[in-house]
Amino acid sequence: MSLPPPSPHRVEIEHLVRRAIYRRLGKSAPLSAQAPNPLLVNVSARHCHLTAAAVEVLFGPGATLTPMKWLYQKDQFAAKETVTLIGPRSRVISNLRILGPCRDFNQIELAMTDSIALGFDIPIRASGLIKETPGCMLMGPAGFFEMKEGVIRAAPHVHMNPDDAAFYGVKPGDFMRLRVGGPCAVTFERMLVRVHPDFKLEVHIDTDEGNGCALESATPVELLK
């Protein structure tokens, strides 16, 4: 059974309402309301991306990923399938979620506390830059899959489409700042810019970073050049 199409996200509805209110009142809107799209900051928990070949090794011939929950980015989903990660000295993480659809490379994204618990020394890398990174063993219900490389701590990054990039005056590979308000206010100084026509404006930080700034749904955030 397939998932129904994703509904509009809360931040998208709020953004449209906010812009309409400022127009109706005839007031100058703040920068966040002038932006073409709303900004969403999400905490990305540990997960893995796998090739179709790896999925078949782990779950059996002909196996495919089963969408469980749509993610904010177009056509991206959390799969029902999970694997067990076996790290150095046989330390493990069970129920590591797979994100779909399948990619053309295998990659595991962990937070620093995950890597310490497993005994890894992992670099901070942009997604896909996995050369000379640690590997690991994955275990699924149908077998084991050895990754020679691909275990990283994902660099904090922002997804945006070309309209967003034009509004903020940035290009792919640039760095922006993310100002997080609230009781544990902090500014992230190196937010890697990734641009694609299908992207929605979304920042990804990991669980350590999200916990460090006490990020919640109502926490004020601002993206700065």
N, C-alpha and C. Protein backbone atom coordinates (compact mmCIF):
# COMPACT_ATOMS: atom_id res chain seq x y z
N MET A 1 0.85 -1.20 0.00
CA MET A 1 0.00 0.00 0.00
C MET A 1 0.88 1.24 0.00
N SER A 2 0.66 2.15 -0.96
CA SER A 2 1.48 3.35 -1.05
C SER A 2 0.96 4.44 -0.12
N LEU A 3 1.85 5.36 0.22
CA LEU A 3 1.46 6.47 1.08
C LEU A 3 0.66 7.49 0.27
N PRO A 4 -0.31 8.17 0.90
CA PRO A 4 -0.99 9.27 0.22
C PRO A 4 -0.01 10.41 0.01
N PRO A 5 -0.26 11.30 -0.96
CA PRO A 5 0.65 12.42 -1.19
C PRO A 5 0.80 13.26 0.08
N PRO A 6 1.99 13.82 0.30
CA PRO A 6 2.21 14.62 1.51
C PRO A 6 1.36 15.88 1.50
N SER A 7 0.83 16.25 2.67
CA SER A 7 0.06 17.48 2.81
C SER A 7 1.01 18.67 2.94
N PRO A 8 0.53 19.89 2.68
CA PRO A 8 1.39 21.07 2.88
C PRO A 8 1.89 21.11 4.33
N HIS A 9 3.17 21.45 4.49
CA HIS A 9 3.76 21.51 5.83
C HIS A 9 3.27 22.75 6.56
N ARG A 10 3.29 22.67 7.88
CA ARG A 10 2.85 23.78 8.72
C ARG A 10 3.57 25.08 8.37
N VAL A 11 4.88 25.03 8.15
CA VAL A 11 5.63 26.26 7.89
C VAL A 11 5.22 26.88 6.55
N GLU A 12 4.83 26.06 5.60
CA GLU A 12 4.39 26.59 4.31
C GLU A 12 3.07 27.34 4.45
N ILE A 13 2.14 26.78 5.22
CA ILE A 13 0.86 27.45 5.46
C ILE A 13 1.05 28.75 6.23
N GLU A 14 1.88 28.70 7.28
CA GLU A 14 2.14 29.89 8.08
C GLU A 14 2.78 31.00 7.25
N HIS A 15 3.66 30.61 6.35
CA HIS A 15 4.34 31.60 5.50
C HIS A 15 3.34 32.32 4.60
N LEU A 16 2.43 31.58 3.98
CA LEU A 16 1.42 32.18 3.11
C LEU A 16 0.50 33.10 3.89
N VAL A 17 0.08 32.67 5.08
CA VAL A 17 -0.80 33.49 5.92
C VAL A 17 -0.10 34.77 6.34
N ARG A 18 1.16 34.65 6.75
CA ARG A 18 1.92 35.82 7.20
C ARG A 18 2.07 36.84 6.08
N ARG A 19 2.36 36.38 4.87
CA ARG A 19 2.52 37.31 3.74
C ARG A 19 1.19 37.99 3.42
N ALA A 20 0.09 37.22 3.50
CA ALA A 20 -1.22 37.80 3.21
C ALA A 20 -1.60 38.87 4.22
N ILE A 21 -1.27 38.64 5.49
CA ILE A 21 -1.59 39.61 6.54
C ILE A 21 -0.83 40.92 6.32
N TYR A 22 0.45 40.82 6.01
CA TYR A 22 1.23 42.05 5.78
C TYR A 22 0.70 42.81 4.57
N ARG A 23 0.31 42.09 3.52
CA ARG A 23 -0.25 42.76 2.34
C ARG A 23 -1.55 43.47 2.69
N ARG A 24 -2.40 42.79 3.46
CA ARG A 24 -3.69 43.38 3.81
C ARG A 24 -3.54 44.62 4.69
N LEU A 25 -2.55 44.57 5.59
CA LEU A 25 -2.32 45.70 6.48
C LEU A 25 -1.52 46.82 5.81
N GLY A 26 -0.97 46.53 4.65
CA GLY A 26 -0.19 47.53 3.94
C GLY A 26 1.12 47.86 4.63
N LYS A 27 1.64 46.93 5.42
CA LYS A 27 2.87 47.15 6.16
C LYS A 27 4.04 46.47 5.44
N SER A 28 5.23 47.00 5.71
CA SER A 28 6.44 46.41 5.16
C SER A 28 6.74 45.11 5.90
N ALA A 29 6.87 44.05 5.15
CA ALA A 29 7.09 42.75 5.76
C ALA A 29 8.56 42.57 6.14
N PRO A 30 8.85 41.84 7.22
CA PRO A 30 10.24 41.52 7.56
C PRO A 30 10.84 40.63 6.50
N LEU A 31 12.16 40.51 6.55
CA LEU A 31 12.87 39.75 5.52
C LEU A 31 12.33 38.32 5.38
N SER A 32 12.03 37.68 6.51
CA SER A 32 11.56 36.30 6.45
C SER A 32 10.25 36.17 5.69
N ALA A 33 9.39 37.20 5.78
CA ALA A 33 8.12 37.16 5.07
C ALA A 33 8.28 37.57 3.61
N GLN A 34 9.35 38.30 3.29
CA GLN A 34 9.61 38.68 1.90
C GLN A 34 10.20 37.52 1.10
N ALA A 35 10.81 36.57 1.78
CA ALA A 35 11.45 35.45 1.11
C ALA A 35 10.43 34.67 0.30
N PRO A 36 10.84 34.10 -0.84
CA PRO A 36 9.89 33.37 -1.68
C PRO A 36 9.33 32.12 -1.01
N ASN A 37 10.09 31.54 -0.08
CA ASN A 37 9.67 30.30 0.57
C ASN A 37 10.01 30.34 2.06
N PRO A 38 9.25 29.59 2.86
CA PRO A 38 9.52 29.56 4.30
C PRO A 38 10.77 28.76 4.62
N LEU A 39 11.41 29.10 5.73
CA LEU A 39 12.59 28.36 6.19
C LEU A 39 12.18 27.33 7.23
N LEU A 40 12.59 26.09 7.01
CA LEU A 40 12.36 25.03 7.97
C LEU A 40 13.71 24.49 8.41
N VAL A 41 13.91 24.38 9.72
CA VAL A 41 15.13 23.78 10.27
C VAL A 41 14.75 22.45 10.89
N ASN A 42 15.35 21.37 10.38
CA ASN A 42 15.04 20.03 10.86
C ASN A 42 16.28 19.37 11.44
N VAL A 43 16.06 18.62 12.51
CA VAL A 43 17.12 17.81 13.09
C VAL A 43 17.11 16.45 12.38
N SER A 44 18.22 16.12 11.78
CA SER A 44 18.34 14.88 11.03
C SER A 44 18.99 13.82 11.91
N ALA A 45 18.20 12.84 12.36
CA ALA A 45 18.72 11.76 13.19
C ALA A 45 19.57 10.82 12.35
N ARG A 46 20.38 10.00 13.02
CA ARG A 46 21.24 9.06 12.30
C ARG A 46 20.42 8.22 11.32
N HIS A 47 20.99 7.95 10.16
CA HIS A 47 20.28 7.21 9.13
C HIS A 47 21.26 6.74 8.07
N CYS A 48 20.77 5.99 7.09
CA CYS A 48 21.64 5.56 6.00
C CYS A 48 20.92 5.67 4.66
N HIS A 49 21.72 5.84 3.63
CA HIS A 49 21.28 5.81 2.23
C HIS A 49 21.94 4.62 1.58
N LEU A 50 21.18 3.84 0.84
CA LEU A 50 21.72 2.61 0.25
C LEU A 50 21.42 2.51 -1.25
N THR A 51 22.26 1.75 -1.93
CA THR A 51 22.00 1.43 -3.33
C THR A 51 20.96 0.31 -3.40
N ALA A 52 20.37 0.14 -4.56
CA ALA A 52 19.42 -0.96 -4.76
C ALA A 52 20.10 -2.31 -4.55
N ALA A 53 21.37 -2.42 -4.97
CA ALA A 53 22.10 -3.68 -4.80
C ALA A 53 22.30 -4.00 -3.33
N ALA A 54 22.62 -2.98 -2.52
CA ALA A 54 22.81 -3.21 -1.09
C ALA A 54 21.50 -3.64 -0.43
N VAL A 55 20.39 -3.04 -0.84
CA VAL A 55 19.09 -3.40 -0.29
C VAL A 55 18.78 -4.87 -0.57
N GLU A 56 19.10 -5.34 -1.75
CA GLU A 56 18.84 -6.74 -2.08
C GLU A 56 19.72 -7.69 -1.26
N VAL A 57 20.96 -7.32 -1.01
CA VAL A 57 21.83 -8.15 -0.18
C VAL A 57 21.27 -8.25 1.24
N LEU A 58 20.80 -7.13 1.76
CA LEU A 58 20.34 -7.07 3.15
C LEU A 58 18.95 -7.64 3.35
N PHE A 59 18.07 -7.50 2.34
CA PHE A 59 16.67 -7.88 2.52
C PHE A 59 16.20 -8.98 1.57
N GLY A 60 17.06 -9.42 0.68
CA GLY A 60 16.70 -10.52 -0.20
C GLY A 60 16.55 -10.10 -1.64
N PRO A 61 16.73 -11.02 -2.59
CA PRO A 61 16.60 -10.72 -4.02
C PRO A 61 15.25 -10.08 -4.35
N GLY A 62 15.29 -9.00 -5.11
CA GLY A 62 14.06 -8.31 -5.52
C GLY A 62 13.50 -7.36 -4.48
N ALA A 63 14.13 -7.28 -3.31
CA ALA A 63 13.61 -6.41 -2.25
C ALA A 63 13.75 -4.94 -2.64
N THR A 64 12.76 -4.15 -2.25
CA THR A 64 12.78 -2.71 -2.46
C THR A 64 12.39 -2.02 -1.16
N LEU A 65 12.65 -0.73 -1.09
CA LEU A 65 12.31 0.03 0.11
C LEU A 65 10.82 0.35 0.13
N THR A 66 10.24 0.29 1.34
CA THR A 66 8.82 0.56 1.53
C THR A 66 8.64 1.91 2.23
N PRO A 67 8.06 2.91 1.55
CA PRO A 67 7.88 4.21 2.20
C PRO A 67 7.02 4.11 3.46
N MET A 68 7.49 4.69 4.55
CA MET A 68 6.76 4.73 5.80
C MET A 68 6.27 6.14 6.12
N LYS A 69 7.11 7.14 5.78
CA LYS A 69 6.77 8.53 6.09
C LYS A 69 7.45 9.44 5.09
N TRP A 70 6.68 10.37 4.51
CA TRP A 70 7.28 11.34 3.61
C TRP A 70 8.12 12.33 4.38
N LEU A 71 9.26 12.71 3.81
CA LEU A 71 10.09 13.76 4.37
C LEU A 71 9.75 15.08 3.68
N TYR A 72 10.35 16.17 4.15
CA TYR A 72 10.00 17.49 3.63
C TYR A 72 10.44 17.66 2.17
N GLN A 73 11.63 17.13 1.83
CA GLN A 73 12.11 17.27 0.46
C GLN A 73 11.31 16.37 -0.49
N LYS A 74 11.14 16.85 -1.71
CA LYS A 74 10.30 16.17 -2.70
C LYS A 74 10.73 14.72 -2.92
N ASP A 75 9.76 13.81 -2.84
CA ASP A 75 9.93 12.38 -3.14
C ASP A 75 10.86 11.64 -2.18
N GLN A 76 11.30 12.28 -1.11
CA GLN A 76 12.17 11.63 -0.13
C GLN A 76 11.32 11.03 0.99
N PHE A 77 11.72 9.86 1.48
CA PHE A 77 10.91 9.22 2.52
C PHE A 77 11.78 8.42 3.49
N ALA A 78 11.23 8.24 4.69
CA ALA A 78 11.80 7.30 5.66
C ALA A 78 11.17 5.95 5.35
N ALA A 79 12.02 4.94 5.18
CA ALA A 79 11.54 3.61 4.83
C ALA A 79 11.16 2.82 6.09
N LYS A 80 10.30 1.84 5.89
CA LYS A 80 9.98 0.93 6.99
C LYS A 80 11.19 0.08 7.37
N GLU A 81 12.05 -0.16 6.39
CA GLU A 81 13.20 -1.05 6.61
C GLU A 81 14.29 -0.37 7.46
N THR A 82 14.86 -1.14 8.35
CA THR A 82 16.00 -0.70 9.14
C THR A 82 17.09 -1.78 9.09
N VAL A 83 18.29 -1.38 9.46
CA VAL A 83 19.41 -2.32 9.50
C VAL A 83 20.15 -2.17 10.83
N THR A 84 21.02 -3.11 11.10
CA THR A 84 21.90 -3.02 12.26
C THR A 84 23.29 -2.65 11.77
N LEU A 85 23.86 -1.61 12.35
CA LEU A 85 25.20 -1.16 12.01
C LEU A 85 26.18 -1.79 13.00
N ILE A 86 27.20 -2.45 12.47
CA ILE A 86 28.23 -3.05 13.31
C ILE A 86 29.51 -2.25 13.11
N GLY A 87 29.95 -1.60 14.18
CA GLY A 87 31.11 -0.73 14.10
C GLY A 87 32.36 -1.40 14.64
N PRO A 88 33.40 -0.61 14.89
CA PRO A 88 34.64 -1.15 15.44
C PRO A 88 34.39 -1.88 16.76
N ARG A 89 35.17 -2.91 16.97
CA ARG A 89 35.09 -3.70 18.20
C ARG A 89 33.68 -4.26 18.42
N SER A 90 32.97 -4.50 17.30
CA SER A 90 31.65 -5.14 17.30
C SER A 90 30.58 -4.36 18.06
N ARG A 91 30.77 -3.08 18.26
CA ARG A 91 29.72 -2.25 18.85
C ARG A 91 28.65 -2.01 17.78
N VAL A 92 27.38 -1.97 18.20
CA VAL A 92 26.30 -1.93 17.21
C VAL A 92 25.30 -0.80 17.50
N ILE A 93 24.62 -0.39 16.45
CA ILE A 93 23.41 0.43 16.53
C ILE A 93 22.32 -0.36 15.83
N SER A 94 21.27 -0.67 16.55
CA SER A 94 20.15 -1.41 15.97
C SER A 94 19.12 -0.44 15.39
N ASN A 95 18.32 -0.95 14.48
CA ASN A 95 17.20 -0.19 13.91
C ASN A 95 17.64 1.14 13.30
N LEU A 96 18.72 1.09 12.55
CA LEU A 96 19.17 2.28 11.83
C LEU A 96 18.27 2.47 10.61
N ARG A 97 17.58 3.60 10.57
CA ARG A 97 16.57 3.84 9.54
C ARG A 97 17.22 4.07 8.17
N ILE A 98 16.61 3.50 7.14
CA ILE A 98 17.03 3.75 5.76
C ILE A 98 16.14 4.85 5.19
N LEU A 99 16.75 5.80 4.50
CA LEU A 99 15.99 6.84 3.81
C LEU A 99 15.99 6.54 2.32
N GLY A 100 14.85 6.71 1.70
CA GLY A 100 14.73 6.43 0.28
C GLY A 100 14.42 7.68 -0.51
N PRO A 101 14.43 7.55 -1.84
CA PRO A 101 14.68 6.33 -2.61
C PRO A 101 16.16 5.95 -2.63
N CYS A 102 16.46 4.80 -3.23
CA CYS A 102 17.84 4.33 -3.29
C CYS A 102 18.71 5.33 -4.05
N ARG A 103 19.97 5.36 -3.68
CA ARG A 103 20.94 6.23 -4.33
C ARG A 103 21.98 5.40 -5.08
N ASP A 104 22.93 6.07 -5.71
CA ASP A 104 23.97 5.35 -6.43
C ASP A 104 25.24 5.20 -5.59
N PHE A 105 25.15 5.47 -4.29
CA PHE A 105 26.25 5.24 -3.37
C PHE A 105 25.67 4.92 -2.00
N ASN A 106 26.47 4.26 -1.17
CA ASN A 106 26.05 3.91 0.19
C ASN A 106 26.68 4.89 1.17
N GLN A 107 25.87 5.40 2.08
CA GLN A 107 26.35 6.40 3.03
C GLN A 107 25.59 6.29 4.34
N ILE A 108 26.31 6.40 5.44
CA ILE A 108 25.71 6.42 6.76
C ILE A 108 26.04 7.76 7.40
N GLU A 109 25.04 8.42 7.97
CA GLU A 109 25.22 9.71 8.61
C GLU A 109 24.95 9.57 10.11
N LEU A 110 25.97 9.87 10.91
CA LEU A 110 25.90 9.75 12.36
C LEU A 110 26.20 11.09 13.01
N ALA A 111 25.74 11.26 14.24
CA ALA A 111 26.15 12.39 15.06
C ALA A 111 27.45 12.02 15.78
N MET A 112 28.12 13.02 16.33
CA MET A 112 29.39 12.76 17.00
C MET A 112 29.22 11.80 18.18
N THR A 113 28.14 11.94 18.96
CA THR A 113 27.95 11.03 20.08
C THR A 113 27.74 9.59 19.61
N ASP A 114 27.08 9.41 18.45
CA ASP A 114 26.95 8.07 17.88
C ASP A 114 28.33 7.49 17.56
N SER A 115 29.16 8.30 16.94
CA SER A 115 30.47 7.80 16.52
C SER A 115 31.34 7.45 17.72
N ILE A 116 31.23 8.22 18.78
CA ILE A 116 32.01 7.92 19.99
C ILE A 116 31.54 6.59 20.59
N ALA A 117 30.22 6.41 20.65
CA ALA A 117 29.68 5.17 21.22
C ALA A 117 30.10 3.95 20.41
N LEU A 118 30.23 4.12 19.08
CA LEU A 118 30.60 3.00 18.21
C LEU A 118 32.11 2.79 18.11
N GLY A 119 32.87 3.81 18.51
CA GLY A 119 34.32 3.71 18.37
C GLY A 119 34.84 4.19 17.04
N PHE A 120 34.03 4.98 16.31
CA PHE A 120 34.43 5.54 15.03
C PHE A 120 35.18 6.85 15.22
N ASP A 121 36.05 7.15 14.27
CA ASP A 121 36.61 8.48 14.11
C ASP A 121 36.17 8.95 12.73
N ILE A 122 35.06 9.69 12.69
CA ILE A 122 34.47 10.03 11.40
C ILE A 122 34.66 11.51 11.07
N PRO A 123 34.87 11.82 9.79
CA PRO A 123 35.04 13.21 9.38
C PRO A 123 33.70 13.89 9.13
N ILE A 124 33.73 15.21 9.15
CA ILE A 124 32.57 16.00 8.73
C ILE A 124 32.66 16.19 7.22
N ARG A 125 31.65 15.72 6.51
CA ARG A 125 31.68 15.76 5.05
C ARG A 125 30.31 16.19 4.49
N ALA A 126 30.36 16.82 3.32
CA ALA A 126 29.12 17.03 2.56
C ALA A 126 28.66 15.67 2.03
N SER A 127 27.37 15.52 1.88
CA SER A 127 26.81 14.27 1.40
C SER A 127 27.41 13.89 0.05
N GLY A 128 27.82 12.62 -0.08
CA GLY A 128 28.38 12.13 -1.32
C GLY A 128 29.90 12.17 -1.37
N LEU A 129 30.52 12.95 -0.51
CA LEU A 129 31.99 13.04 -0.48
C LEU A 129 32.51 12.01 0.52
N ILE A 130 32.55 10.77 0.10
CA ILE A 130 32.83 9.68 1.03
C ILE A 130 34.21 9.05 0.83
N LYS A 131 35.01 9.58 -0.09
CA LYS A 131 36.33 9.01 -0.31
C LYS A 131 37.18 9.11 0.95
N GLU A 132 37.85 8.00 1.29
CA GLU A 132 38.74 7.93 2.45
C GLU A 132 38.00 8.16 3.76
N THR A 133 36.75 7.71 3.83
CA THR A 133 36.00 7.74 5.09
C THR A 133 35.92 6.31 5.63
N PRO A 134 35.61 6.14 6.93
CA PRO A 134 35.54 4.78 7.49
C PRO A 134 34.41 3.97 6.86
N GLY A 135 34.57 2.67 6.91
CA GLY A 135 33.52 1.75 6.50
C GLY A 135 32.92 1.04 7.70
N CYS A 136 32.03 0.10 7.44
CA CYS A 136 31.39 -0.64 8.52
C CYS A 136 30.70 -1.87 7.92
N MET A 137 30.09 -2.64 8.77
CA MET A 137 29.29 -3.78 8.34
C MET A 137 27.83 -3.49 8.68
N LEU A 138 26.94 -3.79 7.73
CA LEU A 138 25.50 -3.68 7.96
C LEU A 138 24.90 -5.09 7.98
N MET A 139 23.92 -5.28 8.85
CA MET A 139 23.23 -6.57 8.93
C MET A 139 21.74 -6.36 8.73
N GLY A 140 21.17 -7.14 7.82
CA GLY A 140 19.74 -7.13 7.59
C GLY A 140 19.18 -8.53 7.77
N PRO A 141 17.88 -8.70 7.58
CA PRO A 141 17.27 -10.01 7.79
C PRO A 141 17.75 -11.07 6.80
N ALA A 142 18.31 -10.67 5.67
CA ALA A 142 18.73 -11.66 4.66
C ALA A 142 20.24 -11.81 4.55
N GLY A 143 21.00 -10.97 5.23
CA GLY A 143 22.44 -11.11 5.11
C GLY A 143 23.20 -9.89 5.57
N PHE A 144 24.53 -9.92 5.31
CA PHE A 144 25.44 -8.86 5.70
C PHE A 144 25.91 -8.10 4.46
N PHE A 145 26.16 -6.81 4.64
CA PHE A 145 26.69 -5.99 3.56
C PHE A 145 27.85 -5.18 4.12
N GLU A 146 29.03 -5.34 3.52
CA GLU A 146 30.21 -4.62 3.98
C GLU A 146 30.39 -3.33 3.20
N MET A 147 30.44 -2.23 3.92
CA MET A 147 30.75 -0.93 3.32
C MET A 147 32.23 -0.64 3.53
N LYS A 148 32.96 -0.46 2.45
CA LYS A 148 34.38 -0.16 2.54
C LYS A 148 34.62 1.27 3.01
N GLU A 149 33.65 2.14 2.74
CA GLU A 149 33.72 3.55 3.12
C GLU A 149 32.30 4.10 3.16
N GLY A 150 32.15 5.34 3.67
CA GLY A 150 30.83 5.95 3.61
C GLY A 150 30.21 6.36 4.93
N VAL A 151 30.94 6.18 6.04
CA VAL A 151 30.40 6.61 7.33
C VAL A 151 30.90 8.03 7.61
N ILE A 152 29.97 8.98 7.74
CA ILE A 152 30.34 10.38 7.90
C ILE A 152 29.50 11.05 8.98
N ARG A 153 29.97 12.20 9.40
CA ARG A 153 29.12 13.16 10.11
C ARG A 153 28.77 14.22 9.08
N ALA A 154 27.49 14.37 8.77
CA ALA A 154 27.07 15.28 7.70
C ALA A 154 27.33 16.73 8.10
N ALA A 155 27.94 17.49 7.20
CA ALA A 155 28.15 18.91 7.44
C ALA A 155 26.78 19.61 7.53
N PRO A 156 26.61 20.52 8.49
CA PRO A 156 25.35 21.29 8.53
C PRO A 156 25.13 21.97 7.18
N HIS A 157 23.92 21.87 6.65
CA HIS A 157 23.71 22.37 5.30
C HIS A 157 22.28 22.88 5.13
N VAL A 158 22.11 23.66 4.05
CA VAL A 158 20.80 24.19 3.72
C VAL A 158 20.46 23.81 2.28
N HIS A 159 19.30 23.20 2.11
CA HIS A 159 18.75 22.92 0.78
C HIS A 159 17.98 24.16 0.31
N MET A 160 18.15 24.54 -0.93
CA MET A 160 17.35 25.65 -1.46
C MET A 160 17.22 25.50 -2.97
N ASN A 161 16.14 26.07 -3.51
CA ASN A 161 15.99 26.06 -4.96
C ASN A 161 16.59 27.35 -5.53
N PRO A 162 16.68 27.49 -6.84
CA PRO A 162 17.33 28.67 -7.42
C PRO A 162 16.68 30.00 -7.00
N ASP A 163 15.36 30.03 -6.79
CA ASP A 163 14.72 31.27 -6.34
C ASP A 163 15.21 31.67 -4.95
N ASP A 164 15.37 30.68 -4.07
CA ASP A 164 15.89 30.97 -2.74
C ASP A 164 17.33 31.47 -2.83
N ALA A 165 18.15 30.80 -3.66
CA ALA A 165 19.55 31.20 -3.80
C ALA A 165 19.66 32.63 -4.32
N ALA A 166 18.79 33.01 -5.28
CA ALA A 166 18.82 34.37 -5.81
C ALA A 166 18.41 35.37 -4.73
N PHE A 167 17.41 35.02 -3.93
CA PHE A 167 16.94 35.93 -2.88
C PHE A 167 18.04 36.18 -1.85
N TYR A 168 18.73 35.13 -1.44
CA TYR A 168 19.77 35.27 -0.42
C TYR A 168 21.13 35.65 -1.01
N GLY A 169 21.26 35.64 -2.34
CA GLY A 169 22.50 36.03 -2.98
C GLY A 169 23.63 35.05 -2.78
N VAL A 170 23.32 33.75 -2.90
CA VAL A 170 24.33 32.70 -2.70
C VAL A 170 24.31 31.73 -3.87
N LYS A 171 25.33 30.89 -3.92
CA LYS A 171 25.42 29.86 -4.97
C LYS A 171 25.85 28.54 -4.32
N PRO A 172 25.71 27.42 -5.05
CA PRO A 172 26.10 26.13 -4.48
C PRO A 172 27.55 26.15 -3.99
N GLY A 173 27.76 25.59 -2.81
CA GLY A 173 29.10 25.54 -2.23
C GLY A 173 29.44 26.70 -1.32
N ASP A 174 28.61 27.76 -1.35
CA ASP A 174 28.80 28.87 -0.42
C ASP A 174 28.44 28.42 0.99
N PHE A 175 28.78 29.27 1.95
CA PHE A 175 28.39 29.03 3.34
C PHE A 175 27.54 30.19 3.84
N MET A 176 26.51 29.85 4.62
CA MET A 176 25.66 30.85 5.25
C MET A 176 25.72 30.68 6.75
N ARG A 177 25.09 31.61 7.46
CA ARG A 177 24.97 31.51 8.91
C ARG A 177 23.52 31.22 9.27
N LEU A 178 23.32 30.41 10.27
CA LEU A 178 21.99 30.14 10.79
C LEU A 178 21.93 30.64 12.22
N ARG A 179 21.09 31.63 12.47
CA ARG A 179 20.92 32.17 13.82
C ARG A 179 19.71 31.50 14.46
N VAL A 180 19.93 30.84 15.57
CA VAL A 180 18.87 30.16 16.31
C VAL A 180 18.62 30.92 17.60
N GLY A 181 17.36 31.30 17.85
CA GLY A 181 17.02 32.03 19.06
C GLY A 181 16.67 31.10 20.21
N GLY A 182 15.90 31.61 21.15
CA GLY A 182 15.48 30.79 22.28
C GLY A 182 16.46 30.85 23.44
N PRO A 183 16.22 30.03 24.47
CA PRO A 183 17.03 30.08 25.69
C PRO A 183 18.48 29.63 25.49
N CYS A 184 18.76 28.85 24.45
CA CYS A 184 20.13 28.40 24.15
C CYS A 184 20.57 28.97 22.80
N ALA A 185 20.34 30.26 22.61
CA ALA A 185 20.61 30.90 21.32
C ALA A 185 22.04 30.66 20.86
N VAL A 186 22.18 30.38 19.57
CA VAL A 186 23.49 30.10 19.01
C VAL A 186 23.45 30.44 17.52
N THR A 187 24.61 30.73 16.96
CA THR A 187 24.70 30.97 15.52
C THR A 187 25.66 29.96 14.91
N PHE A 188 25.17 29.20 13.93
CA PHE A 188 26.01 28.28 13.17
C PHE A 188 26.66 29.09 12.05
N GLU A 189 27.98 29.05 11.99
CA GLU A 189 28.73 29.92 11.08
C GLU A 189 28.98 29.31 9.70
N ARG A 190 28.88 27.98 9.57
CA ARG A 190 29.23 27.34 8.30
C ARG A 190 28.11 26.40 7.86
N MET A 191 27.09 26.99 7.28
CA MET A 191 25.95 26.25 6.78
C MET A 191 26.12 26.09 5.27
N LEU A 192 26.50 24.89 4.83
CA LEU A 192 26.81 24.64 3.42
C LEU A 192 25.56 24.80 2.56
N VAL A 193 25.68 25.53 1.45
CA VAL A 193 24.55 25.78 0.55
C VAL A 193 24.51 24.70 -0.53
N ARG A 194 23.34 24.07 -0.68
CA ARG A 194 23.09 23.10 -1.74
C ARG A 194 21.87 23.58 -2.52
N VAL A 195 21.98 23.66 -3.83
CA VAL A 195 20.92 24.23 -4.67
C VAL A 195 20.47 23.22 -5.72
N HIS A 196 19.15 23.06 -5.85
CA HIS A 196 18.58 22.19 -6.89
C HIS A 196 17.14 22.65 -7.14
N PRO A 197 16.66 22.58 -8.38
CA PRO A 197 15.29 23.02 -8.67
C PRO A 197 14.22 22.32 -7.84
N ASP A 198 14.48 21.08 -7.42
CA ASP A 198 13.48 20.33 -6.65
C ASP A 198 13.55 20.58 -5.15
N PHE A 199 14.57 21.30 -4.69
CA PHE A 199 14.74 21.49 -3.25
C PHE A 199 13.75 22.48 -2.67
N LYS A 200 13.32 22.21 -1.44
CA LYS A 200 12.62 23.17 -0.61
C LYS A 200 13.62 23.77 0.36
N LEU A 201 13.33 24.98 0.85
CA LEU A 201 14.25 25.67 1.74
C LEU A 201 14.24 24.99 3.11
N GLU A 202 15.31 24.24 3.38
CA GLU A 202 15.36 23.46 4.60
C GLU A 202 16.80 23.32 5.06
N VAL A 203 17.02 23.56 6.35
CA VAL A 203 18.32 23.35 6.98
C VAL A 203 18.32 22.01 7.68
N HIS A 204 19.43 21.28 7.55
CA HIS A 204 19.61 20.03 8.27
C HIS A 204 20.77 20.17 9.25
N ILE A 205 20.49 19.92 10.52
CA ILE A 205 21.53 19.79 11.53
C ILE A 205 21.34 18.43 12.19
N ASP A 206 22.38 17.91 12.85
CA ASP A 206 22.24 16.59 13.44
C ASP A 206 21.71 16.69 14.88
N THR A 207 21.54 15.54 15.51
CA THR A 207 20.90 15.52 16.84
C THR A 207 21.75 16.22 17.89
N ASP A 208 23.08 16.10 17.82
CA ASP A 208 23.93 16.81 18.78
C ASP A 208 23.74 18.31 18.64
N GLU A 209 23.72 18.79 17.40
CA GLU A 209 23.58 20.23 17.15
C GLU A 209 22.19 20.72 17.56
N GLY A 210 21.15 19.91 17.26
CA GLY A 210 19.80 20.29 17.65
C GLY A 210 19.62 20.32 19.15
N ASN A 211 20.17 19.35 19.85
CA ASN A 211 20.09 19.35 21.31
C ASN A 211 20.88 20.50 21.92
N GLY A 212 22.03 20.83 21.31
CA GLY A 212 22.88 21.89 21.83
C GLY A 212 22.21 23.25 21.81
N CYS A 213 21.33 23.49 20.84
CA CYS A 213 20.65 24.79 20.77
C CYS A 213 19.18 24.69 21.19
N ALA A 214 18.79 23.54 21.78
CA ALA A 214 17.43 23.32 22.28
C ALA A 214 16.38 23.66 21.22
N LEU A 215 16.61 23.17 20.00
CA LEU A 215 15.71 23.49 18.89
C LEU A 215 14.35 22.83 19.07
N GLU A 216 13.29 23.64 18.96
CA GLU A 216 11.91 23.16 18.99
C GLU A 216 11.18 23.78 17.82
N SER A 217 9.95 23.34 17.59
CA SER A 217 9.20 23.84 16.42
C SER A 217 8.94 25.34 16.49
N ALA A 218 8.84 25.88 17.72
CA ALA A 218 8.55 27.31 17.86
C ALA A 218 9.81 28.17 18.01
N THR A 219 10.98 27.56 17.97
CA THR A 219 12.22 28.31 18.13
C THR A 219 12.44 29.24 16.93
N PRO A 220 12.68 30.54 17.16
CA PRO A 220 12.92 31.45 16.02
C PRO A 220 14.26 31.15 15.36
N VAL A 221 14.27 31.14 14.03
CA VAL A 221 15.48 30.88 13.26
C VAL A 221 15.58 31.89 12.13
N GLU A 222 16.82 32.21 11.76
CA GLU A 222 17.04 33.17 10.69
C GLU A 222 18.26 32.74 9.90
N LEU A 223 18.14 32.75 8.58
CA LEU A 223 19.24 32.39 7.69
C LEU A 223 19.88 33.67 7.19
N LEU A 224 21.21 33.77 7.34
CA LEU A 224 21.93 34.99 7.00
C LEU A 224 23.06 34.68 6.04
N LYS A 225 23.32 35.59 5.11
CA LYS A 225 24.42 35.42 4.16
C LYS A 225 25.74 35.56 4.88
